[in-house]
Amino acid sequence: MSEEFIELVRKHVELTQRTRQRDVVFRNRYQDVSIKMPFQAAQHPDKLQPTYQRLDSGEIDQDDALDEITSVMERYYGMPYPLDD
């Protein structure tokens, strides 16, 4: 995991908070939450570093970045967001 990527994640605090909020929703609906670690963007540099780089350069905004992170979260948890009843 590159130090550059970690710094990008740390720089975007509000995005991290919004990601954590979505993670709570996923974890509340995940069948066996005890076997899944909470989602952390920093653990997925191969999938998310381009997103954070584009966000940092102004190419995309926070909402677009959150959509891309949510897509990675959907694959991580194996379910779509928003979660339907």
C-alpha atoms as a PDB file:
ATOM      1  CA  MET A   1       0.000   0.000   0.000  1.00  0.00           C
ATOM      2  CA  SER A   2       1.566   3.272  -1.059  1.00  0.00           C
ATOM      3  CA  GLU A   3       2.077   6.147   1.339  1.00  0.00           C
ATOM      4  CA  GLU A   4       0.709   8.483  -1.353  1.00  0.00           C
ATOM      5  CA  PHE A   5      -2.607   6.633  -1.376  1.00  0.00           C
ATOM      6  CA  ILE A   6      -2.846   6.644   2.433  1.00  0.00           C
ATOM      7  CA  GLU A   7      -2.271  10.402   2.436  1.00  0.00           C
ATOM      8  CA  LEU A   8      -5.013  10.909  -0.162  1.00  0.00           C
ATOM      9  CA  VAL A   9      -7.468   8.920   1.952  1.00  0.00           C
ATOM     10  CA  ARG A  10      -6.521  10.909   5.069  1.00  0.00           C
ATOM     11  CA  LYS A  11      -6.853  14.189   3.200  1.00  0.00           C
ATOM     12  CA  HIS A  12     -10.501  13.595   2.310  1.00  0.00           C
ATOM     13  CA  VAL A  13     -11.980  13.293   5.802  1.00  0.00           C
ATOM     14  CA  GLU A  14     -15.582  14.024   4.829  1.00  0.00           C
ATOM     15  CA  LEU A  15     -15.489  11.310   2.164  1.00  0.00           C
ATOM     16  CA  THR A  16     -14.153   8.868   4.752  1.00  0.00           C
ATOM     17  CA  GLN A  17     -17.031   9.748   7.066  1.00  0.00           C
ATOM     18  CA  ARG A  18     -19.594   9.284   4.299  1.00  0.00           C
ATOM     19  CA  THR A  19     -18.010   5.936   3.402  1.00  0.00           C
ATOM     20  CA  ARG A  20     -18.254   4.819   7.035  1.00  0.00           C
ATOM     21  CA  GLN A  21     -21.937   5.749   7.077  1.00  0.00           C
ATOM     22  CA  ARG A  22     -22.546   3.529   4.077  1.00  0.00           C
ATOM     23  CA  ASP A  23     -20.520   0.763   5.668  1.00  0.00           C
ATOM     24  CA  VAL A  24     -22.849   0.847   8.685  1.00  0.00           C
ATOM     25  CA  VAL A  25     -25.822   0.319   6.375  1.00  0.00           C
ATOM     26  CA  PHE A  26     -24.119  -2.611   4.657  1.00  0.00           C
ATOM     27  CA  ARG A  27     -23.056  -4.204   7.940  1.00  0.00           C
ATOM     28  CA  ASN A  28     -26.539  -3.920   9.421  1.00  0.00           C
ATOM     29  CA  ARG A  29     -27.885  -5.992   6.541  1.00  0.00           C
ATOM     30  CA  TYR A  30     -24.975  -8.385   5.985  1.00  0.00           C
ATOM     31  CA  GLN A  31     -25.934 -11.926   6.980  1.00  0.00           C
ATOM     32  CA  ASP A  32     -22.778 -12.945   8.826  1.00  0.00           C
ATOM     33  CA  VAL A  33     -21.179  -9.678   9.882  1.00  0.00           C
ATOM     34  CA  SER A  34     -18.774 -11.457  12.216  1.00  0.00           C
ATOM     35  CA  ILE A  35     -16.692 -12.799   9.315  1.00  0.00           C
ATOM     36  CA  LYS A  36     -16.436  -9.504   7.389  1.00  0.00           C
ATOM     37  CA  MET A  37     -14.119  -6.754   8.545  1.00  0.00           C
ATOM     38  CA  PRO A  38     -15.542  -3.229   8.227  1.00  0.00           C
ATOM     39  CA  PHE A  39     -14.828  -1.734   4.821  1.00  0.00           C
ATOM     40  CA  GLN A  40     -11.787   0.528   4.737  1.00  0.00           C
ATOM     41  CA  ALA A  41     -10.854   2.370   1.560  1.00  0.00           C
ATOM     42  CA  ALA A  42      -7.170   2.149   2.455  1.00  0.00           C
ATOM     43  CA  GLN A  43      -7.389  -1.647   2.177  1.00  0.00           C
ATOM     44  CA  HIS A  44      -8.403  -1.410  -1.508  1.00  0.00           C
ATOM     45  CA  PRO A  45      -5.694   0.708  -3.155  1.00  0.00           C
ATOM     46  CA  ASP A  46      -5.778  -1.208  -6.428  1.00  0.00           C
ATOM     47  CA  LYS A  47      -9.454  -0.339  -6.897  1.00  0.00           C
ATOM     48  CA  LEU A  48      -9.645   3.096  -5.254  1.00  0.00           C
ATOM     49  CA  GLN A  49      -6.365   4.923  -5.807  1.00  0.00           C
ATOM     50  CA  PRO A  50      -7.478   6.195  -9.249  1.00  0.00           C
ATOM     51  CA  THR A  51     -10.705   7.491  -7.668  1.00  0.00           C
ATOM     52  CA  TYR A  52      -8.850   9.400  -4.961  1.00  0.00           C
ATOM     53  CA  GLN A  53      -6.334  10.776  -7.467  1.00  0.00           C
ATOM     54  CA  ARG A  54      -9.123  12.064  -9.726  1.00  0.00           C
ATOM     55  CA  LEU A  55     -10.900  13.560  -6.706  1.00  0.00           C
ATOM     56  CA  ASP A  56      -7.722  15.258  -5.545  1.00  0.00           C
ATOM     57  CA  SER A  57      -7.077  16.739  -9.002  1.00  0.00           C
ATOM     58  CA  GLY A  58     -10.640  18.085  -9.242  1.00  0.00           C
ATOM     59  CA  GLU A  59     -11.591  15.791 -12.109  1.00  0.00           C
ATOM     60  CA  ILE A  60     -14.497  14.382 -10.068  1.00  0.00           C
ATOM     61  CA  ASP A  61     -16.350  15.662  -7.018  1.00  0.00           C
ATOM     62  CA  GLN A  62     -17.000  13.950  -3.693  1.00  0.00           C
ATOM     63  CA  ASP A  63     -20.379  12.580  -4.778  1.00  0.00           C
ATOM     64  CA  ASP A  64     -18.818  10.909  -7.823  1.00  0.00           C
ATOM     65  CA  ALA A  65     -16.029   9.499  -5.662  1.00  0.00           C
ATOM     66  CA  LEU A  66     -18.566   8.155  -3.166  1.00  0.00           C
ATOM     67  CA  ASP A  67     -20.433   6.442  -6.010  1.00  0.00           C
ATOM     68  CA  GLU A  68     -17.220   4.736  -7.125  1.00  0.00           C
ATOM     69  CA  ILE A  69     -16.358   3.699  -3.561  1.00  0.00           C
ATOM     70  CA  THR A  70     -19.903   2.385  -3.090  1.00  0.00           C
ATOM     71  CA  SER A  71     -19.440   0.227  -6.180  1.00  0.00           C
ATOM     72  CA  VAL A  72     -16.357  -1.349  -4.584  1.00  0.00           C
ATOM     73  CA  MET A  73     -18.304  -1.801  -1.340  1.00  0.00           C
ATOM     74  CA  GLU A  74     -21.099  -3.578  -3.228  1.00  0.00           C
ATOM     75  CA  ARG A  75     -18.577  -6.106  -4.526  1.00  0.00           C
ATOM     76  CA  TYR A  76     -16.986  -6.420  -1.067  1.00  0.00           C
ATOM     77  CA  TYR A  77     -20.311  -7.163   0.638  1.00  0.00           C
ATOM     78  CA  GLY A  78     -21.920  -8.950  -2.328  1.00  0.00           C
ATOM     79  CA  MET A  79     -25.092  -6.847  -2.256  1.00  0.00           C
ATOM     80  CA  PRO A  80     -26.359  -3.665  -3.902  1.00  0.00           C
ATOM     81  CA  TYR A  81     -26.696  -0.234  -2.323  1.00  0.00           C
ATOM     82  CA  PRO A  82     -29.153   1.211  -1.524  1.00  0.00           C
ATOM     83  CA  LEU A  83     -30.363  -1.866   0.205  1.00  0.00           C
ATOM     84  CA  ASP A  84     -33.934  -2.875  -0.498  1.00  0.00           C
ATOM     85  CA  ASP A  85     -36.154  -4.489   2.092  1.00  0.00           C
END
